[in-house]
Every structure is written in structure tokens, then in C-alpha cells.
């Protein structure tokens, strides 16, 4: 097995007590891949990319992301909730600053 496949197999392996949620394949986005679609969701432990905190992406959160939010099947969680909130707040502050600067430019 290639290194990439071996690494992905370890990353995708369930890190839970066996709790699984069945996936509804008709609600997932089209896969268009050689790999099979997700047929069940397991709790996956990961380390936050920004702060290094150990976090768990629960099966319920995955089901919502893949079936309701229509996220790509190749995506996984990489940041903890606190870091995601910090980033989205920073983006909102930047949007507000851009709106204010546009209003000032339009007045001139």
C-alpha cells in the first residue's frame, strides 16, 4: 500500500467506542471518485491546526456537515470550535471595516 493510502487509512479509522451513525447516501453530494462514499459516520479525534488542542469531530456533526450543509466528502475537521469562532469573528470585523471604508469613499 502506498504511503498516502496508508496515512489516509489511519486518519479515517474510527477512534471511538464503536458508536456509529448510518449515512443517507442520497443526501450526500455526488462523490465522483474511485473511493466509496461514506456509509457510516464515526467519532474522529483530531488535533487543532492552530492551537494544538485535542478535539473530537462527532458522528452527529459529520452527518450534519455531509448531508445538511452538503460539504464535500473529502473534507474533515482541522480546527477546534474556539479557533473556528475566533477566525469567523475576525472575518466579520474585517467585513465591517470594509463596509465603513466603502461608505466613506462613496461620500467623497
N, C-alpha and C. Protein backbone atom coordinates (compact mmCIF):
# COMPACT_ATOMS: atom_id res chain seq x y z
N UNK A 1 0.85 -1.18 0.00
CA UNK A 1 0.00 0.00 0.00
C UNK A 1 0.89 1.24 0.00
N UNK A 2 0.51 2.27 -0.73
CA UNK A 2 1.32 3.47 -0.80
C UNK A 2 1.27 4.22 0.53
N UNK A 3 2.23 5.10 0.71
CA UNK A 3 2.28 5.88 1.96
C UNK A 3 1.04 6.74 2.15
N UNK A 4 0.60 7.38 1.06
CA UNK A 4 -0.57 8.26 1.14
C UNK A 4 -1.81 7.46 1.53
N UNK A 5 -2.01 6.32 0.90
CA UNK A 5 -3.17 5.49 1.24
C UNK A 5 -3.09 5.01 2.68
N UNK A 6 -1.88 4.61 3.10
CA UNK A 6 -1.70 4.13 4.48
C UNK A 6 -1.99 5.25 5.47
N UNK A 7 -1.51 6.46 5.17
CA UNK A 7 -1.76 7.61 6.05
C UNK A 7 -3.24 7.94 6.11
N UNK A 8 -3.93 7.93 4.96
CA UNK A 8 -5.36 8.21 4.93
C UNK A 8 -6.15 7.13 5.64
N UNK A 9 -5.73 5.89 5.54
CA UNK A 9 -6.43 4.81 6.22
C UNK A 9 -6.33 4.98 7.73
N UNK A 10 -5.16 5.38 8.21
CA UNK A 10 -5.01 5.63 9.65
C UNK A 10 -5.83 6.83 10.08
N UNK A 11 -5.85 7.88 9.26
CA UNK A 11 -6.59 9.09 9.59
C UNK A 11 -8.09 8.85 9.61
N UNK A 12 -8.59 8.03 8.71
CA UNK A 12 -10.02 7.77 8.59
C UNK A 12 -10.52 6.71 9.57
N UNK A 13 -9.60 6.01 10.23
CA UNK A 13 -10.05 4.93 11.11
C UNK A 13 -10.81 5.51 12.30
N UNK A 14 -11.87 4.83 12.72
CA UNK A 14 -12.67 5.34 13.83
C UNK A 14 -11.90 5.31 15.13
N UNK A 15 -12.04 6.37 15.92
CA UNK A 15 -11.35 6.48 17.19
C UNK A 15 -12.37 6.54 18.32
N UNK A 16 -13.42 5.76 18.24
CA UNK A 16 -14.49 5.86 19.21
C UNK A 16 -14.75 4.50 19.84
N UNK A 17 -15.78 4.45 20.63
CA UNK A 17 -16.15 3.23 21.33
C UNK A 17 -17.05 2.35 20.47
N UNK A 18 -17.10 2.57 19.17
CA UNK A 18 -17.93 1.77 18.29
C UNK A 18 -19.24 2.44 17.93
N UNK A 19 -19.50 3.62 18.46
CA UNK A 19 -20.72 4.37 18.15
C UNK A 19 -20.66 4.82 16.70
N UNK A 20 -21.64 4.43 15.92
CA UNK A 20 -21.69 4.80 14.51
C UNK A 20 -23.10 5.26 14.16
N UNK A 21 -23.17 6.17 13.18
CA UNK A 21 -24.45 6.64 12.65
C UNK A 21 -24.47 6.30 11.17
N UNK A 22 -25.52 5.67 10.72
CA UNK A 22 -25.64 5.31 9.31
C UNK A 22 -25.80 6.56 8.46
N UNK A 23 -25.17 6.55 7.31
CA UNK A 23 -25.23 7.68 6.39
C UNK A 23 -26.37 7.49 5.41
N UNK A 24 -26.98 8.60 5.01
CA UNK A 24 -28.00 8.59 3.97
C UNK A 24 -27.32 9.02 2.68
N UNK A 25 -27.00 8.05 1.82
CA UNK A 25 -26.21 8.33 0.62
C UNK A 25 -26.92 9.27 -0.35
N UNK A 26 -28.26 9.28 -0.32
CA UNK A 26 -28.99 10.15 -1.25
C UNK A 26 -28.88 11.62 -0.86
N UNK A 27 -28.51 11.92 0.38
CA UNK A 27 -28.38 13.31 0.82
C UNK A 27 -26.95 13.85 0.68
N UNK A 28 -25.99 12.97 0.45
CA UNK A 28 -24.61 13.42 0.28
C UNK A 28 -24.41 14.01 -1.10
N UNK A 29 -23.40 14.86 -1.22
CA UNK A 29 -23.07 15.41 -2.54
C UNK A 29 -22.52 14.28 -3.41
N UNK A 30 -22.60 14.40 -4.74
CA UNK A 30 -22.05 13.34 -5.59
C UNK A 30 -20.57 13.13 -5.32
N UNK A 31 -20.15 11.88 -5.26
CA UNK A 31 -18.79 11.53 -4.87
C UNK A 31 -17.79 11.73 -6.00
N UNK A 32 -18.12 11.24 -7.21
CA UNK A 32 -17.25 11.38 -8.39
C UNK A 32 -15.81 10.96 -8.10
N UNK A 33 -15.65 9.85 -7.45
CA UNK A 33 -14.32 9.41 -7.07
C UNK A 33 -14.21 7.90 -7.19
N UNK A 34 -12.99 7.42 -7.13
CA UNK A 34 -12.78 5.99 -7.12
C UNK A 34 -13.10 5.43 -5.76
N UNK A 35 -12.97 6.26 -4.74
CA UNK A 35 -13.24 5.82 -3.38
C UNK A 35 -14.73 5.71 -3.12
N UNK A 36 -15.10 4.84 -2.22
CA UNK A 36 -16.53 4.68 -1.91
C UNK A 36 -17.05 5.85 -1.08
N UNK A 37 -18.34 6.13 -1.14
CA UNK A 37 -18.91 7.18 -0.28
C UNK A 37 -18.93 6.71 1.17
N UNK A 38 -19.13 7.64 2.07
CA UNK A 38 -19.21 7.29 3.49
C UNK A 38 -20.56 6.63 3.75
N UNK A 39 -20.52 5.44 4.30
CA UNK A 39 -21.76 4.73 4.59
C UNK A 39 -22.12 4.82 6.07
N UNK A 40 -21.16 5.24 6.89
CA UNK A 40 -21.41 5.44 8.32
C UNK A 40 -20.45 6.51 8.83
N UNK A 41 -20.86 7.17 9.88
CA UNK A 41 -20.03 8.22 10.50
C UNK A 41 -19.59 7.74 11.88
N UNK A 42 -18.31 7.93 12.18
CA UNK A 42 -17.73 7.59 13.47
C UNK A 42 -17.13 8.84 14.09
N UNK A 43 -17.03 8.89 15.40
CA UNK A 43 -16.34 9.98 16.07
C UNK A 43 -14.86 9.91 15.68
N UNK A 44 -14.30 11.04 15.24
CA UNK A 44 -12.91 11.09 14.80
C UNK A 44 -12.16 12.09 15.67
N UNK A 45 -11.09 11.63 16.30
CA UNK A 45 -10.25 12.52 17.11
C UNK A 45 -9.26 13.22 16.18
N UNK A 46 -9.02 14.51 16.43
CA UNK A 46 -8.04 15.25 15.64
C UNK A 46 -7.39 16.30 16.53
N UNK A 47 -6.27 16.82 16.06
CA UNK A 47 -5.54 17.85 16.78
C UNK A 47 -5.74 19.17 16.03
N UNK A 48 -6.14 20.22 16.74
CA UNK A 48 -6.42 21.50 16.10
C UNK A 48 -5.17 22.03 15.41
N UNK A 49 -5.34 22.51 14.19
CA UNK A 49 -4.24 23.02 13.39
C UNK A 49 -3.63 24.28 13.99
N UNK A 50 -4.44 25.10 14.66
CA UNK A 50 -3.95 26.38 15.18
C UNK A 50 -3.39 26.28 16.59
N UNK A 51 -4.19 25.73 17.52
CA UNK A 51 -3.79 25.74 18.92
C UNK A 51 -3.25 24.41 19.42
N UNK A 52 -3.44 23.33 18.67
CA UNK A 52 -2.92 22.03 19.06
C UNK A 52 -3.78 21.27 20.05
N UNK A 53 -4.95 21.78 20.36
CA UNK A 53 -5.84 21.13 21.31
C UNK A 53 -6.45 19.87 20.70
N UNK A 54 -6.52 18.81 21.49
CA UNK A 54 -7.16 17.57 21.04
C UNK A 54 -8.67 17.78 21.05
N UNK A 55 -9.32 17.41 19.95
CA UNK A 55 -10.76 17.63 19.78
C UNK A 55 -11.36 16.40 19.11
N UNK A 56 -12.67 16.23 19.22
CA UNK A 56 -13.36 15.11 18.58
C UNK A 56 -14.43 15.66 17.64
N UNK A 57 -14.40 15.22 16.39
CA UNK A 57 -15.44 15.56 15.43
C UNK A 57 -16.45 14.43 15.51
N UNK A 58 -17.58 14.72 16.13
CA UNK A 58 -18.56 13.67 16.43
C UNK A 58 -19.27 13.19 15.18
N UNK A 59 -19.85 12.02 15.28
CA UNK A 59 -20.60 11.44 14.17
C UNK A 59 -21.80 12.32 13.82
N UNK A 60 -22.44 12.91 14.83
CA UNK A 60 -23.58 13.79 14.58
C UNK A 60 -23.17 15.02 13.80
N UNK A 61 -22.01 15.61 14.16
CA UNK A 61 -21.52 16.78 13.45
C UNK A 61 -21.17 16.43 12.00
N UNK A 62 -20.60 15.25 11.78
CA UNK A 62 -20.26 14.82 10.42
C UNK A 62 -21.52 14.63 9.59
N UNK A 63 -22.54 14.00 10.18
CA UNK A 63 -23.79 13.78 9.46
C UNK A 63 -24.39 15.12 9.02
N UNK A 64 -24.39 16.11 9.92
CA UNK A 64 -24.91 17.43 9.56
C UNK A 64 -24.07 18.04 8.43
N UNK A 65 -22.75 17.98 8.55
CA UNK A 65 -21.88 18.62 7.57
C UNK A 65 -22.03 17.99 6.19
N UNK A 66 -22.03 16.66 6.13
CA UNK A 66 -22.06 15.98 4.84
C UNK A 66 -23.45 15.94 4.21
N UNK A 67 -24.51 15.88 5.03
CA UNK A 67 -25.85 15.68 4.48
C UNK A 67 -26.72 16.94 4.47
N UNK A 68 -26.57 17.81 5.45
CA UNK A 68 -27.39 19.02 5.51
C UNK A 68 -26.66 20.20 4.86
N UNK A 69 -25.41 20.43 5.29
CA UNK A 69 -24.63 21.54 4.74
C UNK A 69 -24.04 21.21 3.38
N UNK A 70 -24.14 19.95 2.96
CA UNK A 70 -23.66 19.48 1.65
C UNK A 70 -22.17 19.71 1.47
N UNK A 71 -21.40 19.44 2.53
CA UNK A 71 -19.95 19.56 2.45
C UNK A 71 -19.35 18.44 1.62
N UNK A 72 -18.19 18.70 1.05
CA UNK A 72 -17.51 17.70 0.23
C UNK A 72 -17.09 16.52 1.10
N UNK A 73 -17.13 15.33 0.53
CA UNK A 73 -16.80 14.13 1.28
C UNK A 73 -15.32 14.00 1.57
N UNK A 74 -14.50 14.85 0.97
CA UNK A 74 -13.07 14.81 1.21
C UNK A 74 -12.66 15.67 2.40
N UNK A 75 -13.56 16.50 2.92
CA UNK A 75 -13.23 17.43 3.99
C UNK A 75 -13.33 16.76 5.36
N UNK A 76 -12.45 17.17 6.25
CA UNK A 76 -12.51 16.75 7.65
C UNK A 76 -12.26 17.98 8.52
N UNK A 77 -12.58 17.87 9.78
CA UNK A 77 -12.36 18.98 10.70
C UNK A 77 -10.87 19.12 10.99
N UNK A 78 -10.37 20.35 11.00
CA UNK A 78 -8.96 20.59 11.30
C UNK A 78 -8.79 21.63 12.41
N UNK A 79 -9.84 22.35 12.78
CA UNK A 79 -9.75 23.36 13.83
C UNK A 79 -10.82 23.12 14.90
N UNK A 80 -10.48 23.43 16.15
CA UNK A 80 -11.43 23.29 17.24
C UNK A 80 -12.47 24.40 17.16
N UNK A 81 -13.52 24.26 17.91
CA UNK A 81 -14.63 25.22 17.89
C UNK A 81 -14.15 26.63 18.25
N UNK A 82 -13.28 26.75 19.27
CA UNK A 82 -12.80 28.07 19.69
C UNK A 82 -12.01 28.77 18.58
N UNK A 83 -11.16 28.04 17.91
CA UNK A 83 -10.37 28.64 16.82
C UNK A 83 -11.25 29.00 15.64
N UNK A 84 -12.25 28.16 15.32
CA UNK A 84 -13.17 28.49 14.23
C UNK A 84 -13.96 29.74 14.56
N UNK A 85 -14.42 29.88 15.81
CA UNK A 85 -15.15 31.08 16.22
C UNK A 85 -14.26 32.32 16.15
N UNK A 86 -13.01 32.19 16.57
CA UNK A 86 -12.07 33.32 16.53
C UNK A 86 -11.85 33.78 15.09
N UNK A 87 -11.70 32.85 14.17
CA UNK A 87 -11.49 33.19 12.76
C UNK A 87 -12.73 33.86 12.16
N UNK A 88 -13.91 33.31 12.46
CA UNK A 88 -15.13 33.91 11.89
C UNK A 88 -15.39 35.30 12.47
N UNK A 89 -15.06 35.53 13.75
CA UNK A 89 -15.20 36.87 14.32
C UNK A 89 -14.24 37.85 13.66
N UNK A 90 -13.02 37.41 13.39
CA UNK A 90 -12.05 38.28 12.73
C UNK A 90 -12.52 38.63 11.32
N UNK A 91 -13.10 37.67 10.63
CA UNK A 91 -13.62 37.95 9.28
C UNK A 91 -14.78 38.92 9.33
N UNK A 92 -15.65 38.80 10.32
CA UNK A 92 -16.78 39.71 10.46
C UNK A 92 -16.30 41.14 10.75
N UNK A 93 -15.29 41.28 11.60
CA UNK A 93 -14.71 42.59 11.88
C UNK A 93 -14.14 43.19 10.61
N UNK A 94 -13.46 42.37 9.81
CA UNK A 94 -12.89 42.86 8.56
C UNK A 94 -14.00 43.30 7.60
N UNK A 95 -15.09 42.55 7.52
CA UNK A 95 -16.21 42.93 6.65
C UNK A 95 -16.79 44.28 7.07
N UNK A 96 -16.96 44.48 8.37
CA UNK A 96 -17.48 45.75 8.88
C UNK A 96 -16.54 46.91 8.51
N UNK A 97 -15.24 46.70 8.64
CA UNK A 97 -14.28 47.74 8.29
C UNK A 97 -14.35 48.07 6.80
N UNK A 98 -14.53 47.04 5.99
CA UNK A 98 -14.63 47.28 4.54
C UNK A 98 -15.91 48.03 4.20
N UNK A 99 -17.02 47.72 4.86
CA UNK A 99 -18.27 48.45 4.63
C UNK A 99 -18.12 49.92 5.00
N UNK A 100 -17.49 50.18 6.14
CA UNK A 100 -17.29 51.57 6.57
C UNK A 100 -16.42 52.33 5.59
N UNK A 101 -15.35 51.70 5.11
CA UNK A 101 -14.46 52.40 4.18
C UNK A 101 -15.16 52.65 2.84
N UNK A 102 -16.01 51.74 2.41
CA UNK A 102 -16.75 51.96 1.17
C UNK A 102 -17.75 53.10 1.31
N UNK A 103 -18.40 53.19 2.46
CA UNK A 103 -19.34 54.28 2.71
C UNK A 103 -18.60 55.62 2.70
N UNK A 104 -17.42 55.65 3.31
CA UNK A 104 -16.65 56.89 3.33
C UNK A 104 -16.20 57.28 1.92
N UNK A 105 -15.82 56.30 1.10
CA UNK A 105 -15.40 56.59 -0.26
C UNK A 105 -16.58 57.10 -1.10
N UNK A 106 -17.76 56.56 -0.87
CA UNK A 106 -18.94 56.98 -1.63
C UNK A 106 -19.37 58.39 -1.26
N UNK A 107 -19.10 58.82 -0.03
CA UNK A 107 -19.46 60.18 0.41
C UNK A 107 -18.59 61.21 -0.29
N UNK A 108 -17.38 60.86 -0.63
CA UNK A 108 -16.45 61.83 -1.22
C UNK A 108 -16.73 62.11 -2.64
